[in-house]
Amino acid sequence: MSEITLVTAYFNIGRGSWTGFSRDNNKYIRYFEHWARLKNKLIVYTTPDIADKVKEIRRRFGLENRTTVISIQDVTTSVPDVYNAIKSVMTNKESWLFHKKLNHPESWNYLYNYVTNIKPFWVQDAIKKGLADGMIAWIDFGYDHGGEEFPDPKDFDFLWSYPFTPFIHIFLAKELDQKPIFKIVQSMDTYIRGGIMLAPDFLWTQFWKDSYKAIIALSNCGLADDDQTITLMAYRRHPENFETHLTTYWGEALRAYGGERLHLRPQKGKKTPTLLRELKQYMQQKRIAFDIKRRHGSEIEKKYFS
C-alpha cells in the first residue's frame, strides 16, 4: 500500500476581524498543530512569517525531514488572472446581493474565494517541482478545527495510507444532483466537503485545469464562490475522472479511509425528524407550484417538464 503525500497551504486573509467567522493566525497555527503529527510527507505553502512556525511544529514531532515549506510572499501573484477575475466579480454589489447569506465570506470576500479556489493549484505545483508523486492528498491547514471531531491530537500520530483507486476522490455532504450552478451559488448549498481531496499525480494536473476553467467560466457570468462549487463544476466537466464518497461528518474522509484509530467526539447535533423534513419538502413544492402559476408557466410545465 503506497504512502499518501500531503499538501496544504495557509495565508492570512484578515479573517481575525470577521464577525461570526473570526480565526486569526494563532488559531490556525493551533489547528495545524493538532493534526501535524501525521507521519506522511508534507508540503506546506505559506508566508515567510508562518513558515518557521510550521517547521518548528513538525520538528517537535520528529518530522522535520518529512516536511517541505515553500514561502510565498504575496499569494495574489501566484495565479493573478484568477485573483483579478474573482476580485472584479466580488466588488460588484449586485453579485454580493445575489447570495442568500450576505455575511458569509464566500458572498463578499474575494481573497477568501481566491485562496480556497486554488487548492488544486498548489498540489500540481508541488508535482511540477518534483516534491510529490503517486497518490497525493490536499488537506486543509485548519483541518478539524483543533479537535472539533477528533479531540485527541495524539490520535494523529500515524502514517496515513489506504488503497485508493486511481481517481479523484471527493467527499460529499449530500447526494449530487443536477441543480444549476447559479442556483447553488445563490442558495449557498454545500455538496462537497473540501477539507480533504485525493488523486494520483497525473489527475491533479487535470483537476487544476478543470478548476481553472470553472473559475473563469463562473466569473464570466458575474459570479464567484468557494472551492466546493468550483470542485462540483470540475466534476461535472469530467465525472469519469472522479470517485465520490457520501459522508455523514467532515472527518469521515480520513477516519473511514485509513484513519480508523481516530477517536470521534460524540456528535451533539440533532437530526431533523422525518415527518418535519417531509413537511418542509411538501411546503417547498407547494411554493414552487404557486410561483409557476403566478408567472403563467403552468401550461409550459405540463408540456415540457412533467
Protein backbone atom coordinates (compact mmCIF):
# COMPACT_ATOMS: atom_id res chain seq x y z
CA MET A 1 0.00 0.00 0.00
CA SER A 2 1.68 3.24 -1.14
CA GLU A 3 2.07 6.23 1.14
CA ILE A 4 -0.04 9.34 0.64
CA THR A 5 1.77 12.66 0.28
CA LEU A 6 0.02 15.65 1.88
CA VAL A 7 -0.17 19.18 0.51
CA THR A 8 -1.63 22.17 2.34
CA ALA A 9 -1.44 25.97 2.35
CA TYR A 10 -2.18 28.86 4.67
CA PHE A 11 -2.30 32.60 4.01
CA ASN A 12 -3.52 35.34 6.30
CA ILE A 13 -6.50 36.97 4.60
CA GLY A 14 -7.57 39.07 7.59
CA ARG A 15 -10.04 36.57 8.96
CA GLY A 16 -9.26 37.52 12.55
CA SER A 17 -11.57 40.54 12.20
CA TRP A 18 -14.56 38.85 10.54
CA THR A 19 -17.66 38.98 12.70
CA GLY A 20 -19.01 35.48 13.22
CA PHE A 21 -16.15 33.87 11.26
CA SER A 22 -13.13 35.08 13.21
CA ARG A 23 -9.94 32.96 13.09
CA ASP A 24 -6.57 34.67 13.42
CA ASN A 25 -3.08 33.36 12.67
CA ASN A 26 -2.59 31.96 16.16
CA LYS A 27 -5.80 29.97 15.96
CA TYR A 28 -4.83 28.50 12.59
CA ILE A 29 -1.40 27.56 13.93
CA ARG A 30 -3.12 25.70 16.78
CA TYR A 31 -5.41 23.99 14.28
CA PHE A 32 -2.39 22.86 12.26
CA GLU A 33 -0.53 21.67 15.34
CA HIS A 34 -3.50 19.49 16.27
CA TRP A 35 -3.10 17.23 13.20
CA ALA A 36 0.59 17.85 12.42
CA ARG A 37 1.69 14.53 13.97
CA LEU A 38 0.63 12.75 10.78
CA LYS A 39 3.81 11.00 9.66
CA ASN A 40 3.22 11.46 5.95
CA LYS A 41 5.46 13.60 3.80
CA LEU A 42 4.02 17.11 3.94
CA ILE A 43 4.39 20.11 1.62
CA VAL A 44 3.20 23.45 3.01
CA TYR A 45 2.77 26.71 1.09
CA THR A 46 2.60 29.76 3.34
CA THR A 47 4.02 33.21 4.07
CA PRO A 48 7.56 33.63 5.46
CA ASP A 49 6.30 34.63 8.94
CA ILE A 50 4.34 31.36 9.26
CA ALA A 51 6.95 29.10 7.63
CA ASP A 52 9.25 28.93 10.66
CA LYS A 53 6.33 28.10 12.96
CA VAL A 54 5.30 25.22 10.69
CA LYS A 55 8.85 23.87 10.65
CA GLU A 56 9.14 24.13 14.44
CA ILE A 57 5.90 22.20 15.00
CA ARG A 58 6.94 19.37 12.67
CA ARG A 59 10.44 19.37 14.18
CA ARG A 60 8.95 18.91 17.63
CA PHE A 61 7.17 15.78 16.38
CA GLY A 62 10.34 14.43 14.77
CA LEU A 63 9.05 15.11 11.27
CA GLU A 64 11.31 17.89 10.08
CA ASN A 65 12.83 15.67 7.38
CA ARG A 66 9.36 14.79 6.13
CA THR A 67 8.36 18.44 5.72
CA THR A 68 8.90 20.94 2.92
CA VAL A 69 7.79 24.53 3.42
CA ILE A 70 7.60 26.90 0.45
CA SER A 71 7.38 30.60 1.29
CA ILE A 72 5.08 32.78 -0.78
CA GLN A 73 5.38 36.50 -0.08
CA ASP A 74 2.22 37.60 -1.91
CA VAL A 75 -0.33 34.89 -2.69
CA THR A 76 -2.29 37.16 -5.04
CA THR A 77 0.59 36.95 -7.54
CA SER A 78 0.54 33.14 -7.67
CA VAL A 79 -2.43 32.92 -10.05
CA PRO A 80 -3.03 36.62 -10.85
CA ASP A 81 -5.65 36.17 -13.56
CA VAL A 82 -7.80 34.09 -11.22
CA TYR A 83 -7.33 36.64 -8.43
CA ASN A 84 -8.29 39.54 -10.69
CA ALA A 85 -11.31 37.70 -12.12
CA ILE A 86 -12.70 36.88 -8.67
CA LYS A 87 -11.97 40.37 -7.33
CA SER A 88 -13.68 42.02 -10.30
CA VAL A 89 -16.83 39.96 -9.71
CA MET A 90 -16.96 40.31 -5.95
CA THR A 91 -16.50 44.07 -5.83
CA ASN A 92 -19.77 44.31 -7.76
CA LYS A 93 -22.59 44.91 -5.28
CA GLU A 94 -25.09 43.08 -7.48
CA SER A 95 -23.01 39.91 -7.18
CA TRP A 96 -22.98 40.22 -3.39
CA LEU A 97 -26.76 40.76 -3.23
CA PHE A 98 -27.31 37.63 -5.31
CA HIS A 99 -26.29 35.42 -2.36
CA LYS A 100 -28.71 34.15 0.26
CA LYS A 101 -26.38 34.74 3.24
CA LEU A 102 -24.76 38.13 2.80
CA ASN A 103 -22.48 37.83 5.83
CA HIS A 104 -20.79 34.58 4.75
CA PRO A 105 -17.27 35.14 3.38
CA GLU A 106 -17.95 33.38 0.07
CA SER A 107 -20.53 36.13 -0.58
CA TRP A 108 -18.34 39.18 -0.02
CA ASN A 109 -14.63 38.36 0.44
CA TYR A 110 -12.70 37.86 -2.79
CA LEU A 111 -9.50 36.84 -1.01
CA TYR A 112 -11.36 34.02 0.74
CA ASN A 113 -12.75 32.64 -2.51
CA TYR A 114 -9.39 33.06 -4.23
CA VAL A 115 -7.35 31.09 -1.69
CA THR A 116 -9.96 28.33 -1.46
CA ASN A 117 -10.35 28.10 -5.25
CA ILE A 118 -6.65 27.47 -5.86
CA LYS A 119 -6.19 24.40 -3.64
CA PRO A 120 -5.53 22.16 -6.70
CA PHE A 121 -3.02 24.73 -7.97
CA TRP A 122 -0.72 24.09 -5.00
CA VAL A 123 -0.87 20.33 -5.46
CA GLN A 124 0.01 20.47 -9.15
CA ASP A 125 2.76 22.97 -8.32
CA ALA A 126 4.27 20.50 -5.81
CA ILE A 127 4.13 17.83 -8.54
CA LYS A 128 5.85 20.12 -11.07
CA LYS A 129 8.58 20.88 -8.53
CA GLY A 130 9.21 17.16 -8.03
CA LEU A 131 8.10 17.30 -4.39
CA ALA A 132 5.13 14.95 -4.71
CA ASP A 133 4.15 11.95 -6.79
CA GLY A 134 1.88 8.93 -6.59
CA MET A 135 -1.27 9.39 -4.52
CA ILE A 136 -1.48 12.93 -3.16
CA ALA A 137 -4.00 14.43 -0.74
CA TRP A 138 -4.95 18.03 -0.21
CA ILE A 139 -5.65 18.65 3.48
CA ASP A 140 -6.83 21.99 4.85
CA PHE A 141 -4.29 23.72 7.08
CA GLY A 142 -7.05 24.18 9.66
CA TYR A 143 -8.32 20.61 9.32
CA ASP A 144 -10.64 19.50 12.17
CA HIS A 145 -10.51 22.99 13.72
CA GLY A 146 -8.31 21.94 16.61
CA GLY A 147 -10.32 18.90 17.65
CA GLU A 148 -13.87 19.62 16.56
CA GLU A 149 -14.40 15.95 15.69
CA PHE A 150 -11.15 14.27 16.77
CA PRO A 151 -10.34 15.72 20.21
CA ASP A 152 -7.08 13.88 20.96
CA PRO A 153 -4.15 15.22 18.88
CA LYS A 154 -2.09 12.12 19.72
CA ASP A 155 -4.50 10.08 17.61
CA PHE A 156 -2.90 11.68 14.54
CA ASP A 157 0.44 10.05 15.32
CA PHE A 158 0.35 7.55 12.43
CA LEU A 159 1.28 7.16 8.77
CA TRP A 160 -1.86 7.55 6.69
CA SER A 161 -2.19 5.03 3.87
CA TYR A 162 -5.13 3.49 2.06
CA PRO A 163 -5.59 1.62 -1.26
CA PHE A 164 -7.44 4.40 -3.07
CA THR A 165 -8.37 3.73 -6.68
CA PRO A 166 -6.65 5.92 -9.34
CA PHE A 167 -9.36 8.57 -9.49
CA ILE A 168 -10.01 11.98 -7.95
CA HIS A 169 -11.66 11.24 -4.62
CA ILE A 170 -14.10 13.80 -3.28
CA PHE A 171 -16.27 13.51 -0.19
CA LEU A 172 -19.90 14.56 -0.33
CA ALA A 173 -22.10 16.26 2.24
CA LYS A 174 -25.15 15.15 0.25
CA GLU A 175 -26.01 13.32 -2.95
CA LEU A 176 -25.15 15.12 -6.17
CA ASP A 177 -27.98 16.30 -8.38
CA GLN A 178 -28.49 18.48 -11.46
CA LYS A 179 -29.26 21.75 -9.71
CA PRO A 180 -27.94 24.61 -11.88
CA ILE A 181 -24.71 26.13 -10.66
CA PHE A 182 -26.17 29.63 -10.44
CA LYS A 183 -28.83 28.31 -8.05
CA ILE A 184 -26.16 26.62 -5.94
CA VAL A 185 -24.22 29.88 -5.75
CA GLN A 186 -27.37 31.77 -4.82
CA SER A 187 -28.74 29.31 -2.26
CA MET A 188 -25.21 28.54 -0.96
CA ASP A 189 -25.87 24.80 -0.84
CA THR A 190 -22.94 22.60 0.19
CA TYR A 191 -22.43 19.37 -1.75
CA ILE A 192 -18.72 18.71 -1.20
CA ARG A 193 -16.60 18.62 1.95
CA GLY A 194 -13.38 20.15 0.66
CA GLY A 195 -11.14 19.62 3.71
CA ILE A 196 -9.57 16.53 2.13
CA MET A 197 -9.35 15.56 -1.55
CA LEU A 198 -7.11 12.89 -3.09
CA ALA A 199 -5.91 11.94 -6.55
CA PRO A 200 -2.92 10.39 -8.31
CA ASP A 201 -0.39 12.92 -9.59
CA PHE A 202 -1.50 12.86 -13.24
CA LEU A 203 -5.11 13.65 -12.33
CA TRP A 204 -4.22 16.59 -10.06
CA THR A 205 -2.86 18.34 -13.14
CA GLN A 206 -6.15 17.79 -14.95
CA PHE A 207 -8.12 18.71 -11.83
CA TRP A 208 -6.41 22.10 -11.70
CA LYS A 209 -7.05 22.71 -15.42
CA ASP A 210 -10.76 21.96 -14.94
CA SER A 211 -10.93 24.03 -11.76
CA TYR A 212 -9.27 26.96 -13.53
CA LYS A 213 -11.78 26.76 -16.38
CA ALA A 214 -14.63 26.60 -13.86
CA ILE A 215 -13.42 29.70 -12.01
CA ILE A 216 -13.13 31.70 -15.22
CA ALA A 217 -16.46 30.45 -16.60
CA LEU A 218 -18.23 31.39 -13.37
CA SER A 219 -16.61 34.82 -13.28
CA ASN A 220 -17.68 35.42 -16.88
CA CYS A 221 -21.24 35.02 -15.60
CA GLY A 222 -20.61 37.64 -12.92
CA LEU A 223 -20.40 35.11 -10.11
CA ALA A 224 -17.83 33.64 -7.74
CA ASP A 225 -17.94 31.03 -4.99
CA ASP A 226 -15.68 28.97 -2.78
CA ASP A 227 -13.90 25.72 -3.63
CA GLN A 228 -16.90 23.48 -3.03
CA THR A 229 -18.78 24.86 -6.03
CA ILE A 230 -15.66 25.02 -8.20
CA THR A 231 -14.94 21.35 -7.42
CA LEU A 232 -18.52 20.47 -8.33
CA MET A 233 -18.11 22.25 -11.67
CA ALA A 234 -14.85 20.37 -12.32
CA TYR A 235 -16.67 17.12 -11.53
CA ARG A 236 -19.46 17.94 -13.96
CA ARG A 237 -16.90 18.66 -16.67
CA HIS A 238 -15.19 15.26 -16.32
CA PRO A 239 -17.17 12.94 -14.00
CA GLU A 240 -15.27 9.95 -15.37
CA ASN A 241 -12.17 11.19 -13.51
CA PHE A 242 -13.87 11.13 -10.11
CA GLU A 243 -14.93 8.70 -7.43
CA THR A 244 -17.40 10.17 -4.93
CA HIS A 245 -17.94 9.15 -1.31
CA LEU A 246 -21.08 10.15 0.58
CA THR A 247 -20.17 11.08 4.17
CA THR A 248 -22.08 11.92 7.32
CA TYR A 249 -19.47 14.12 9.03
CA TRP A 250 -16.49 16.23 7.96
CA GLY A 251 -13.74 13.97 9.31
CA GLU A 252 -15.04 10.79 7.70
CA ALA A 253 -12.75 11.27 4.69
CA LEU A 254 -9.77 10.46 6.92
CA ARG A 255 -11.22 8.24 9.63
CA ALA A 256 -13.12 5.84 7.34
CA TYR A 257 -10.27 5.51 4.82
CA GLY A 258 -7.20 4.52 6.78
CA GLY A 259 -7.61 6.65 9.91
CA GLU A 260 -9.67 4.23 11.98
CA ARG A 261 -7.51 4.92 15.04
CA LEU A 262 -9.00 8.42 15.31
CA HIS A 263 -11.48 8.65 18.18
CA LEU A 264 -14.57 10.57 17.14
CA ARG A 265 -16.09 13.08 19.51
CA PRO A 266 -19.73 12.21 20.35
CA GLN A 267 -21.96 14.10 17.97
CA LYS A 268 -24.37 16.52 19.64
CA GLY A 269 -26.32 17.58 16.59
CA LYS A 270 -30.00 16.71 16.41
CA LYS A 271 -31.36 15.19 13.24
CA THR A 272 -34.42 16.73 11.74
CA PRO A 273 -37.38 14.37 12.37
CA THR A 274 -38.51 12.60 9.20
CA LEU A 275 -42.06 14.00 9.41
CA LEU A 276 -40.81 17.57 9.75
CA ARG A 277 -38.36 17.09 6.87
CA GLU A 278 -41.14 15.72 4.66
CA LEU A 279 -43.40 18.63 5.64
CA LYS A 280 -40.72 21.12 4.65
CA GLN A 281 -40.28 19.39 1.30
CA TYR A 282 -44.05 19.41 0.73
CA MET A 283 -44.32 23.12 1.52
CA GLN A 284 -41.40 23.87 -0.77
CA GLN A 285 -43.10 22.01 -3.63
CA LYS A 286 -46.31 23.96 -2.97
CA ARG A 287 -44.42 27.27 -3.09
CA ILE A 288 -42.79 26.30 -6.38
CA ALA A 289 -46.16 25.28 -7.87
CA PHE A 290 -47.75 28.56 -6.77
CA ASP A 291 -44.84 30.56 -8.19
CA ILE A 292 -45.08 28.75 -11.55
CA LYS A 293 -48.80 29.51 -11.74
CA ARG A 294 -48.28 33.15 -10.74
CA ARG A 295 -45.72 33.54 -13.52
CA HIS A 296 -48.03 31.96 -16.14
CA GLY A 297 -45.89 28.84 -16.54
CA SER A 298 -48.38 26.06 -15.74
CA GLU A 299 -49.01 25.02 -19.33
CA ILE A 300 -45.31 25.10 -20.20
CA GLU A 301 -44.57 22.92 -17.16
CA LYS A 302 -47.19 20.33 -18.20
CA LYS A 303 -45.95 20.24 -21.78
CA TYR A 304 -42.17 20.23 -21.29
CA PHE A 305 -41.30 19.45 -17.67
CA SER A 306 -43.84 16.93 -16.41
